[in-house]
Amino acid sequence: MKVLGVDPGLTRCGVGVVDGVAGRPLTMVGVGVVRTPADADIAHRLVLIERGIEEWLDTHRPEFVAVERVFSQHNVRTVMGTAQASAVAMLCAARRGLPVALHTPSEVKAAVTGSGRADKAQVGAMVTRLLRLDAPPKPADAADALALAICHIWRAPAVNRLQQAHAAARRASAPVRTLKGTR
């Protein structure tokens, strides 16, 4: 399974592609950051992020996209920019028919370090170890993107089974409709 992880942000949007399956060694395919100038207007910055993500999708052809779920931060401007960058990533994936998974920061930290309260250095160190890299990816946004991809690869089988079970339960409990004159 090849997954593009996206750590959304307006100034630095981390992107990383990991290939593998749960229970087997994972491989980093690529890692980087889509950067936008802080002094540019928001619309232009979002276009730059879209172009960057589209380029990653074209180059690496992932099967899934994992995006960090935006959570409420103290700075409203920061959360708005992060949410907008997140929406761009989801739109790029949806346009191509790629499934998108959202993972909270604590889910990602717990998946790669064993603790949902891990700091950036711990996440970077574990990403380095799990992907057998010589050094932690820099900046932290890049390491976070790889962590998102790893988290999705490891969590996807359980999440997919849960989604299938919910869908089956909905189908089973849906009212049966009969058309007039068919009885």
N, C-alpha and C. Protein backbone atom coordinates (compact mmCIF):
# COMPACT_ATOMS: atom_id res chain seq x y z
N MET A 1 0.86 -1.16 0.00
CA MET A 1 0.00 0.00 0.00
C MET A 1 0.91 1.23 0.00
N LYS A 2 0.68 2.13 -0.93
CA LYS A 2 1.46 3.37 -1.01
C LYS A 2 0.58 4.52 -0.55
N VAL A 3 1.06 5.25 0.47
CA VAL A 3 0.27 6.31 1.11
C VAL A 3 1.02 7.63 1.07
N LEU A 4 0.31 8.68 0.65
CA LEU A 4 0.84 10.04 0.75
C LEU A 4 0.32 10.63 2.05
N GLY A 5 1.23 10.97 2.95
CA GLY A 5 0.87 11.66 4.18
C GLY A 5 1.00 13.15 3.98
N VAL A 6 0.04 13.92 4.49
CA VAL A 6 0.06 15.38 4.36
C VAL A 6 -0.11 16.00 5.74
N ASP A 7 0.90 16.76 6.14
CA ASP A 7 0.84 17.54 7.38
C ASP A 7 0.52 18.97 6.95
N PRO A 8 -0.76 19.36 6.98
CA PRO A 8 -1.16 20.63 6.37
C PRO A 8 -0.65 21.85 7.12
N GLY A 9 -0.31 22.85 6.33
CA GLY A 9 0.12 24.13 6.86
C GLY A 9 0.25 25.11 5.72
N LEU A 10 0.06 26.38 5.99
CA LEU A 10 0.15 27.39 4.92
C LEU A 10 1.59 27.71 4.55
N THR A 11 2.46 27.85 5.52
CA THR A 11 3.85 28.20 5.23
C THR A 11 4.64 26.96 4.83
N ARG A 12 4.46 25.88 5.57
CA ARG A 12 5.12 24.61 5.28
C ARG A 12 4.08 23.50 5.35
N CYS A 13 3.83 22.87 4.23
CA CYS A 13 2.91 21.74 4.16
C CYS A 13 3.77 20.50 3.94
N GLY A 14 3.91 19.68 4.98
CA GLY A 14 4.74 18.49 4.87
C GLY A 14 4.08 17.42 4.03
N VAL A 15 4.87 16.76 3.19
CA VAL A 15 4.38 15.67 2.35
C VAL A 15 5.39 14.52 2.41
N GLY A 16 4.87 13.31 2.50
CA GLY A 16 5.75 12.14 2.53
C GLY A 16 5.02 10.91 2.04
N VAL A 17 5.73 10.10 1.27
CA VAL A 17 5.13 8.88 0.72
C VAL A 17 5.85 7.68 1.32
N VAL A 18 5.04 6.76 1.84
CA VAL A 18 5.55 5.52 2.43
C VAL A 18 4.85 4.35 1.74
N ASP A 19 5.61 3.30 1.47
CA ASP A 19 5.07 2.11 0.84
C ASP A 19 5.27 0.92 1.78
N GLY A 20 4.27 0.07 1.87
CA GLY A 20 4.40 -1.12 2.70
C GLY A 20 3.06 -1.61 3.20
N VAL A 21 3.13 -2.63 4.05
CA VAL A 21 1.93 -3.18 4.67
C VAL A 21 2.22 -3.38 6.15
N ALA A 22 1.16 -3.43 6.94
CA ALA A 22 1.31 -3.64 8.38
C ALA A 22 2.02 -4.96 8.64
N GLY A 23 2.94 -4.93 9.60
CA GLY A 23 3.65 -6.14 9.97
C GLY A 23 4.90 -6.41 9.16
N ARG A 24 5.19 -5.58 8.18
CA ARG A 24 6.39 -5.73 7.34
C ARG A 24 7.18 -4.43 7.38
N PRO A 25 8.48 -4.49 7.06
CA PRO A 25 9.25 -3.24 7.02
C PRO A 25 8.67 -2.27 5.98
N LEU A 26 8.64 -1.01 6.35
CA LEU A 26 8.10 0.04 5.48
C LEU A 26 9.24 0.73 4.74
N THR A 27 8.91 1.34 3.60
CA THR A 27 9.91 2.03 2.79
C THR A 27 9.48 3.46 2.54
N MET A 28 10.39 4.41 2.79
CA MET A 28 10.11 5.79 2.42
C MET A 28 10.35 5.93 0.92
N VAL A 29 9.35 6.43 0.22
CA VAL A 29 9.46 6.66 -1.22
C VAL A 29 9.93 8.08 -1.48
N GLY A 30 9.44 9.02 -0.70
CA GLY A 30 9.83 10.42 -0.87
C GLY A 30 9.33 11.25 0.29
N VAL A 31 10.00 12.37 0.53
CA VAL A 31 9.59 13.27 1.61
C VAL A 31 9.98 14.69 1.22
N GLY A 32 9.16 15.65 1.63
CA GLY A 32 9.46 17.04 1.33
C GLY A 32 8.47 17.98 1.98
N VAL A 33 8.57 19.23 1.56
CA VAL A 33 7.70 20.27 2.09
C VAL A 33 7.28 21.17 0.94
N VAL A 34 6.00 21.46 0.86
CA VAL A 34 5.49 22.46 -0.08
C VAL A 34 5.49 23.78 0.69
N ARG A 35 6.26 24.74 0.21
CA ARG A 35 6.40 26.02 0.91
C ARG A 35 5.66 27.13 0.17
N THR A 36 5.13 28.07 0.96
CA THR A 36 4.51 29.25 0.37
C THR A 36 5.03 30.48 1.10
N PRO A 37 5.14 31.60 0.39
CA PRO A 37 5.62 32.83 1.04
C PRO A 37 4.59 33.39 2.01
N ALA A 38 5.04 33.71 3.21
CA ALA A 38 4.13 34.21 4.25
C ALA A 38 3.48 35.53 3.88
N ASP A 39 4.12 36.30 2.99
CA ASP A 39 3.57 37.61 2.64
C ASP A 39 2.61 37.55 1.45
N ALA A 40 2.41 36.38 0.86
CA ALA A 40 1.48 36.25 -0.27
C ALA A 40 0.05 36.18 0.25
N ASP A 41 -0.90 36.56 -0.61
CA ASP A 41 -2.30 36.49 -0.17
C ASP A 41 -2.73 35.02 -0.09
N ILE A 42 -3.75 34.77 0.71
CA ILE A 42 -4.19 33.42 1.03
C ILE A 42 -4.57 32.62 -0.21
N ALA A 43 -5.25 33.23 -1.16
CA ALA A 43 -5.68 32.52 -2.36
C ALA A 43 -4.48 32.00 -3.14
N HIS A 44 -3.46 32.85 -3.29
CA HIS A 44 -2.25 32.44 -4.02
C HIS A 44 -1.52 31.32 -3.29
N ARG A 45 -1.48 31.40 -1.97
CA ARG A 45 -0.80 30.37 -1.19
C ARG A 45 -1.51 29.02 -1.34
N LEU A 46 -2.84 29.04 -1.36
CA LEU A 46 -3.59 27.79 -1.53
C LEU A 46 -3.37 27.19 -2.91
N VAL A 47 -3.26 28.05 -3.93
CA VAL A 47 -2.96 27.56 -5.28
C VAL A 47 -1.58 26.91 -5.30
N LEU A 48 -0.61 27.51 -4.64
CA LEU A 48 0.74 26.93 -4.58
C LEU A 48 0.73 25.57 -3.87
N ILE A 49 -0.05 25.47 -2.81
CA ILE A 49 -0.16 24.18 -2.10
C ILE A 49 -0.82 23.15 -3.01
N GLU A 50 -1.87 23.55 -3.71
CA GLU A 50 -2.54 22.62 -4.64
C GLU A 50 -1.56 22.12 -5.69
N ARG A 51 -0.81 23.02 -6.29
CA ARG A 51 0.17 22.62 -7.32
C ARG A 51 1.20 21.65 -6.75
N GLY A 52 1.66 21.95 -5.54
CA GLY A 52 2.66 21.08 -4.92
C GLY A 52 2.12 19.69 -4.65
N ILE A 53 0.92 19.62 -4.11
CA ILE A 53 0.32 18.31 -3.81
C ILE A 53 0.02 17.55 -5.10
N GLU A 54 -0.49 18.25 -6.10
CA GLU A 54 -0.75 17.60 -7.39
C GLU A 54 0.54 17.02 -7.97
N GLU A 55 1.64 17.75 -7.83
CA GLU A 55 2.93 17.25 -8.32
C GLU A 55 3.33 15.97 -7.58
N TRP A 56 3.13 15.94 -6.26
CA TRP A 56 3.44 14.73 -5.49
C TRP A 56 2.54 13.57 -5.92
N LEU A 57 1.26 13.85 -6.15
CA LEU A 57 0.34 12.80 -6.60
C LEU A 57 0.74 12.27 -7.97
N ASP A 58 1.11 13.17 -8.89
CA ASP A 58 1.55 12.76 -10.23
C ASP A 58 2.82 11.92 -10.18
N THR A 59 3.76 12.36 -9.37
CA THR A 59 5.07 11.69 -9.31
C THR A 59 5.00 10.33 -8.63
N HIS A 60 4.29 10.24 -7.51
CA HIS A 60 4.34 9.04 -6.69
C HIS A 60 3.14 8.11 -6.80
N ARG A 61 2.04 8.55 -7.35
CA ARG A 61 0.85 7.73 -7.58
C ARG A 61 0.43 6.90 -6.36
N PRO A 62 0.14 7.57 -5.23
CA PRO A 62 -0.28 6.82 -4.04
C PRO A 62 -1.67 6.22 -4.22
N GLU A 63 -1.95 5.22 -3.40
CA GLU A 63 -3.27 4.58 -3.40
C GLU A 63 -4.20 5.22 -2.38
N PHE A 64 -3.63 5.87 -1.38
CA PHE A 64 -4.38 6.51 -0.30
C PHE A 64 -3.70 7.83 0.06
N VAL A 65 -4.48 8.73 0.63
CA VAL A 65 -3.94 9.98 1.16
C VAL A 65 -4.37 10.09 2.62
N ALA A 66 -3.40 10.31 3.49
CA ALA A 66 -3.67 10.46 4.93
C ALA A 66 -3.34 11.90 5.31
N VAL A 67 -4.32 12.59 5.88
CA VAL A 67 -4.18 14.01 6.22
C VAL A 67 -4.39 14.17 7.72
N GLU A 68 -3.58 15.04 8.32
CA GLU A 68 -3.77 15.29 9.75
C GLU A 68 -5.09 16.02 9.97
N ARG A 69 -5.88 15.49 10.89
CA ARG A 69 -7.16 16.11 11.23
C ARG A 69 -6.88 17.41 11.97
N VAL A 70 -7.50 18.48 11.51
CA VAL A 70 -7.30 19.79 12.13
C VAL A 70 -8.06 19.83 13.44
N PHE A 71 -7.40 20.32 14.46
CA PHE A 71 -8.03 20.45 15.77
C PHE A 71 -7.95 21.90 16.20
N SER A 72 -8.77 22.27 17.14
CA SER A 72 -8.83 23.66 17.60
C SER A 72 -7.54 24.05 18.30
N GLN A 73 -6.97 25.13 17.83
CA GLN A 73 -5.76 25.67 18.44
C GLN A 73 -6.11 27.01 19.06
N HIS A 74 -5.20 27.54 19.86
CA HIS A 74 -5.46 28.82 20.50
C HIS A 74 -5.47 29.97 19.49
N ASN A 75 -4.65 29.88 18.46
CA ASN A 75 -4.56 30.93 17.46
C ASN A 75 -5.53 30.62 16.31
N VAL A 76 -6.60 31.38 16.20
CA VAL A 76 -7.63 31.13 15.19
C VAL A 76 -7.06 31.26 13.79
N ARG A 77 -6.17 32.21 13.57
CA ARG A 77 -5.55 32.37 12.24
C ARG A 77 -4.79 31.12 11.83
N THR A 78 -4.08 30.54 12.78
CA THR A 78 -3.31 29.33 12.50
C THR A 78 -4.23 28.17 12.15
N VAL A 79 -5.28 27.97 12.92
CA VAL A 79 -6.18 26.85 12.66
C VAL A 79 -6.92 27.05 11.34
N MET A 80 -7.26 28.27 10.99
CA MET A 80 -7.94 28.52 9.71
C MET A 80 -7.02 28.18 8.54
N GLY A 81 -5.78 28.62 8.60
CA GLY A 81 -4.83 28.31 7.53
C GLY A 81 -4.57 26.82 7.41
N THR A 82 -4.44 26.16 8.54
CA THR A 82 -4.23 24.72 8.55
C THR A 82 -5.44 24.00 7.96
N ALA A 83 -6.63 24.42 8.33
CA ALA A 83 -7.85 23.81 7.80
C ALA A 83 -7.97 24.03 6.29
N GLN A 84 -7.60 25.21 5.82
CA GLN A 84 -7.67 25.48 4.39
C GLN A 84 -6.68 24.62 3.62
N ALA A 85 -5.46 24.48 4.14
CA ALA A 85 -4.46 23.63 3.48
C ALA A 85 -4.92 22.17 3.50
N SER A 86 -5.54 21.75 4.59
CA SER A 86 -6.07 20.40 4.70
C SER A 86 -7.15 20.16 3.64
N ALA A 87 -8.02 21.13 3.46
CA ALA A 87 -9.09 21.00 2.47
C ALA A 87 -8.52 20.89 1.06
N VAL A 88 -7.46 21.62 0.78
CA VAL A 88 -6.81 21.54 -0.54
C VAL A 88 -6.30 20.12 -0.77
N ALA A 89 -5.64 19.54 0.23
CA ALA A 89 -5.13 18.17 0.10
C ALA A 89 -6.26 17.18 -0.15
N MET A 90 -7.36 17.32 0.60
CA MET A 90 -8.50 16.42 0.42
C MET A 90 -9.12 16.59 -0.96
N LEU A 91 -9.21 17.83 -1.43
CA LEU A 91 -9.77 18.09 -2.76
C LEU A 91 -8.91 17.46 -3.85
N CYS A 92 -7.59 17.61 -3.75
CA CYS A 92 -6.69 17.01 -4.74
C CYS A 92 -6.89 15.49 -4.80
N ALA A 93 -6.99 14.86 -3.65
CA ALA A 93 -7.20 13.41 -3.60
C ALA A 93 -8.56 13.03 -4.16
N ALA A 94 -9.60 13.74 -3.74
CA ALA A 94 -10.96 13.43 -4.19
C ALA A 94 -11.11 13.58 -5.70
N ARG A 95 -10.45 14.58 -6.25
CA ARG A 95 -10.49 14.82 -7.69
C ARG A 95 -9.98 13.60 -8.45
N ARG A 96 -9.08 12.85 -7.85
CA ARG A 96 -8.50 11.66 -8.48
C ARG A 96 -9.19 10.37 -8.03
N GLY A 97 -10.18 10.49 -7.17
CA GLY A 97 -10.87 9.31 -6.67
C GLY A 97 -10.08 8.53 -5.64
N LEU A 98 -9.10 9.19 -5.01
CA LEU A 98 -8.29 8.52 -3.99
C LEU A 98 -8.96 8.61 -2.62
N PRO A 99 -8.99 7.51 -1.88
CA PRO A 99 -9.55 7.56 -0.53
C PRO A 99 -8.70 8.46 0.37
N VAL A 100 -9.37 9.23 1.22
CA VAL A 100 -8.70 10.12 2.17
C VAL A 100 -9.04 9.67 3.58
N ALA A 101 -8.01 9.57 4.41
CA ALA A 101 -8.20 9.25 5.82
C ALA A 101 -7.68 10.41 6.65
N LEU A 102 -8.42 10.76 7.69
CA LEU A 102 -8.00 11.82 8.60
C LEU A 102 -7.57 11.18 9.91
N HIS A 103 -6.41 11.57 10.39
CA HIS A 103 -5.88 11.05 11.65
C HIS A 103 -5.53 12.22 12.56
N THR A 104 -5.90 12.11 13.83
CA THR A 104 -5.58 13.17 14.79
C THR A 104 -4.10 13.11 15.13
N PRO A 105 -3.54 14.24 15.58
CA PRO A 105 -2.13 14.23 15.99
C PRO A 105 -1.84 13.17 17.05
N SER A 106 -2.74 13.00 18.01
CA SER A 106 -2.48 12.01 19.07
C SER A 106 -2.54 10.58 18.53
N GLU A 107 -3.41 10.30 17.55
CA GLU A 107 -3.44 8.98 16.92
C GLU A 107 -2.11 8.68 16.23
N VAL A 108 -1.60 9.68 15.52
CA VAL A 108 -0.35 9.50 14.78
C VAL A 108 0.80 9.28 15.75
N LYS A 109 0.87 10.11 16.78
CA LYS A 109 1.95 9.97 17.78
C LYS A 109 1.89 8.61 18.45
N ALA A 110 0.69 8.18 18.83
CA ALA A 110 0.53 6.88 19.48
C ALA A 110 0.93 5.74 18.54
N ALA A 111 0.59 5.87 17.26
CA ALA A 111 0.91 4.82 16.30
C ALA A 111 2.42 4.65 16.13
N VAL A 112 3.15 5.76 16.03
CA VAL A 112 4.58 5.64 15.74
C VAL A 112 5.47 5.59 16.97
N THR A 113 5.01 6.14 18.10
CA THR A 113 5.88 6.17 19.29
C THR A 113 5.34 5.34 20.45
N GLY A 114 4.05 5.03 20.42
CA GLY A 114 3.44 4.33 21.55
C GLY A 114 2.82 5.28 22.56
N SER A 115 3.01 6.60 22.36
CA SER A 115 2.43 7.59 23.27
C SER A 115 1.78 8.71 22.48
N GLY A 116 0.52 8.98 22.78
CA GLY A 116 -0.20 10.06 22.12
C GLY A 116 0.28 11.44 22.53
N ARG A 117 1.18 11.50 23.51
CA ARG A 117 1.72 12.78 23.99
C ARG A 117 3.18 12.98 23.59
N ALA A 118 3.67 12.19 22.66
CA ALA A 118 5.07 12.30 22.24
C ALA A 118 5.34 13.69 21.66
N ASP A 119 6.58 14.15 21.79
CA ASP A 119 6.94 15.45 21.21
C ASP A 119 7.50 15.24 19.80
N LYS A 120 7.77 16.36 19.13
CA LYS A 120 8.24 16.32 17.73
C LYS A 120 9.53 15.50 17.61
N ALA A 121 10.44 15.66 18.56
CA ALA A 121 11.72 14.94 18.50
C ALA A 121 11.51 13.43 18.59
N GLN A 122 10.59 13.00 19.44
CA GLN A 122 10.31 11.56 19.57
C GLN A 122 9.68 11.01 18.29
N VAL A 123 8.77 11.78 17.70
CA VAL A 123 8.15 11.35 16.44
C VAL A 123 9.22 11.23 15.36
N GLY A 124 10.06 12.25 15.24
CA GLY A 124 11.14 12.23 14.24
C GLY A 124 12.08 11.05 14.44
N ALA A 125 12.43 10.77 15.70
CA ALA A 125 13.33 9.65 15.99
C ALA A 125 12.71 8.31 15.59
N MET A 126 11.43 8.13 15.89
CA MET A 126 10.78 6.87 15.55
C MET A 126 10.56 6.72 14.05
N VAL A 127 10.23 7.82 13.37
CA VAL A 127 10.09 7.76 11.91
C VAL A 127 11.44 7.34 11.31
N THR A 128 12.52 7.91 11.82
CA THR A 128 13.86 7.58 11.34
C THR A 128 14.15 6.09 11.53
N ARG A 129 13.81 5.58 12.69
CA ARG A 129 14.05 4.16 13.00
C ARG A 129 13.16 3.25 12.15
N LEU A 130 11.86 3.57 12.09
CA LEU A 130 10.91 2.70 11.38
C LEU A 130 11.20 2.62 9.88
N LEU A 131 11.68 3.73 9.32
CA LEU A 131 11.95 3.76 7.88
C LEU A 131 13.43 3.52 7.57
N ARG A 132 14.20 3.22 8.61
CA ARG A 132 15.62 2.93 8.47
C ARG A 132 16.36 4.05 7.72
N LEU A 133 16.16 5.27 8.20
CA LEU A 133 16.81 6.44 7.61
C LEU A 133 18.09 6.77 8.38
N ASP A 134 18.98 7.50 7.74
CA ASP A 134 20.23 7.91 8.40
C ASP A 134 20.02 9.03 9.40
N ALA A 135 19.02 9.88 9.12
CA ALA A 135 18.76 11.04 9.99
C ALA A 135 17.28 11.38 9.93
N PRO A 136 16.77 12.05 10.96
CA PRO A 136 15.36 12.45 10.93
C PRO A 136 15.09 13.43 9.79
N PRO A 137 13.98 13.27 9.10
CA PRO A 137 13.63 14.23 8.05
C PRO A 137 13.45 15.62 8.64
N LYS A 138 13.91 16.63 7.93
CA LYS A 138 13.78 18.02 8.35
C LYS A 138 13.02 18.78 7.28
N PRO A 139 12.20 19.75 7.64
CA PRO A 139 11.81 20.12 8.98
C PRO A 139 10.84 19.10 9.58
N ALA A 140 10.38 19.38 10.78
CA ALA A 140 9.48 18.45 11.49
C ALA A 140 8.21 18.17 10.69
N ASP A 141 7.78 19.13 9.86
CA ASP A 141 6.56 18.93 9.05
C ASP A 141 6.74 17.73 8.11
N ALA A 142 7.95 17.55 7.59
CA ALA A 142 8.23 16.43 6.69
C ALA A 142 8.15 15.11 7.46
N ALA A 143 8.76 15.08 8.66
CA ALA A 143 8.70 13.88 9.49
C ALA A 143 7.26 13.57 9.88
N ASP A 144 6.48 14.60 10.18
CA ASP A 144 5.08 14.40 10.54
C ASP A 144 4.28 13.81 9.38
N ALA A 145 4.59 14.23 8.15
CA ALA A 145 3.90 13.68 6.99
C ALA A 145 4.19 12.19 6.84
N LEU A 146 5.45 11.81 7.05
CA LEU A 146 5.80 10.38 7.00
C LEU A 146 5.09 9.62 8.12
N ALA A 147 5.03 10.22 9.30
CA ALA A 147 4.34 9.59 10.44
C ALA A 147 2.87 9.36 10.11
N LEU A 148 2.24 10.31 9.43
CA LEU A 148 0.84 10.15 9.02
C LEU A 148 0.68 8.95 8.09
N ALA A 149 1.59 8.83 7.12
CA ALA A 149 1.52 7.71 6.18
C ALA A 149 1.71 6.39 6.91
N ILE A 150 2.69 6.34 7.83
CA ILE A 150 2.93 5.12 8.61
C ILE A 150 1.69 4.77 9.43
N CYS A 151 1.13 5.76 10.10
CA CYS A 151 -0.07 5.56 10.91
C CYS A 151 -1.18 4.96 10.06
N HIS A 152 -1.38 5.49 8.87
CA HIS A 152 -2.47 4.99 8.03
C HIS A 152 -2.21 3.55 7.59
N ILE A 153 -0.99 3.25 7.22
CA ILE A 153 -0.68 1.87 6.80
C ILE A 153 -0.98 0.90 7.93
N TRP A 154 -0.61 1.26 9.13
CA TRP A 154 -0.82 0.37 10.27
C TRP A 154 -2.27 0.32 10.72
N ARG A 155 -3.00 1.43 10.61
CA ARG A 155 -4.39 1.48 11.09
C ARG A 155 -5.41 1.11 10.02
N ALA A 156 -5.07 1.20 8.76
CA ALA A 156 -6.03 1.01 7.67
C ALA A 156 -6.77 -0.32 7.72
N PRO A 157 -6.09 -1.45 7.96
CA PRO A 157 -6.84 -2.71 7.97
C PRO A 157 -7.97 -2.71 9.01
N ALA A 158 -7.70 -2.21 10.20
CA ALA A 158 -8.73 -2.16 11.24
C ALA A 158 -9.82 -1.16 10.89
N VAL A 159 -9.42 0.00 10.38
CA VAL A 159 -10.39 1.03 10.00
C VAL A 159 -11.28 0.52 8.87
N ASN A 160 -10.69 -0.15 7.88
CA ASN A 160 -11.47 -0.68 6.77
C ASN A 160 -12.48 -1.72 7.25
N ARG A 161 -12.06 -2.61 8.16
CA ARG A 161 -13.00 -3.61 8.70
C ARG A 161 -14.13 -2.94 9.46
N LEU A 162 -13.82 -1.91 10.21
CA LEU A 162 -14.83 -1.18 10.97
C LEU A 162 -15.83 -0.50 10.02
N GLN A 163 -15.31 0.14 8.96
CA GLN A 163 -16.19 0.79 7.99
C GLN A 163 -17.09 -0.23 7.29
N GLN A 164 -16.53 -1.38 6.95
CA GLN A 164 -17.33 -2.42 6.30
C GLN A 164 -18.42 -2.94 7.24
N ALA A 165 -18.09 -3.09 8.51
CA ALA A 165 -19.08 -3.56 9.48
C ALA A 165 -20.21 -2.54 9.65
N HIS A 166 -19.84 -1.26 9.72
CA HIS A 166 -20.87 -0.22 9.84
C HIS A 166 -21.76 -0.19 8.60
N ALA A 167 -21.16 -0.32 7.42
CA ALA A 167 -21.94 -0.31 6.18
C ALA A 167 -22.89 -1.51 6.14
N ALA A 168 -22.41 -2.67 6.56
CA ALA A 168 -23.27 -3.87 6.57
C ALA A 168 -24.41 -3.69 7.56
N ALA A 169 -24.13 -3.10 8.71
CA ALA A 169 -25.17 -2.88 9.72
C ALA A 169 -26.22 -1.90 9.20
N ARG A 170 -25.78 -0.87 8.49
CA ARG A 170 -26.74 0.09 7.92
C ARG A 170 -27.62 -0.59 6.88
N ARG A 171 -27.01 -1.42 6.04
CA ARG A 171 -27.80 -2.13 5.02
C ARG A 171 -28.80 -3.07 5.67
N ALA A 172 -28.38 -3.76 6.72
CA ALA A 172 -29.26 -4.73 7.39
C ALA A 172 -30.42 -4.05 8.10
N SER A 173 -30.20 -2.84 8.59
CA SER A 173 -31.27 -2.17 9.33
C SER A 173 -32.08 -1.21 8.46
N ALA A 174 -31.73 -1.09 7.20
CA ALA A 174 -32.46 -0.18 6.31
C ALA A 174 -33.85 -0.77 6.03
N PRO A 175 -34.85 0.10 5.99
CA PRO A 175 -36.20 -0.41 5.70
C PRO A 175 -36.27 -0.94 4.26
N VAL A 176 -37.01 -2.02 4.10
CA VAL A 176 -37.17 -2.62 2.78
C VAL A 176 -38.34 -1.93 2.10
N ARG A 177 -38.10 -1.44 0.91
CA ARG A 177 -39.16 -0.77 0.16
C ARG A 177 -39.68 -1.71 -0.92
N THR A 178 -40.98 -1.70 -1.09
CA THR A 178 -41.57 -2.46 -2.18
C THR A 178 -42.29 -1.48 -3.08
N LEU A 179 -42.22 -1.73 -4.34
CA LEU A 179 -42.91 -0.88 -5.30
C LEU A 179 -44.34 -1.34 -5.44
N LYS A 180 -45.23 -0.39 -5.65
CA LYS A 180 -46.64 -0.74 -5.83
C LYS A 180 -46.78 -1.68 -7.02
N GLY A 181 -47.58 -2.67 -6.83
CA GLY A 181 -47.87 -3.61 -7.91
C GLY A 181 -46.84 -4.71 -8.06
N THR A 182 -45.84 -4.76 -7.17
CA THR A 182 -44.83 -5.82 -7.29
C THR A 182 -45.11 -6.99 -6.36
N ARG A 183 -46.10 -6.90 -5.52
CA ARG A 183 -46.41 -8.00 -4.59
C ARG A 183 -47.36 -8.96 -5.20
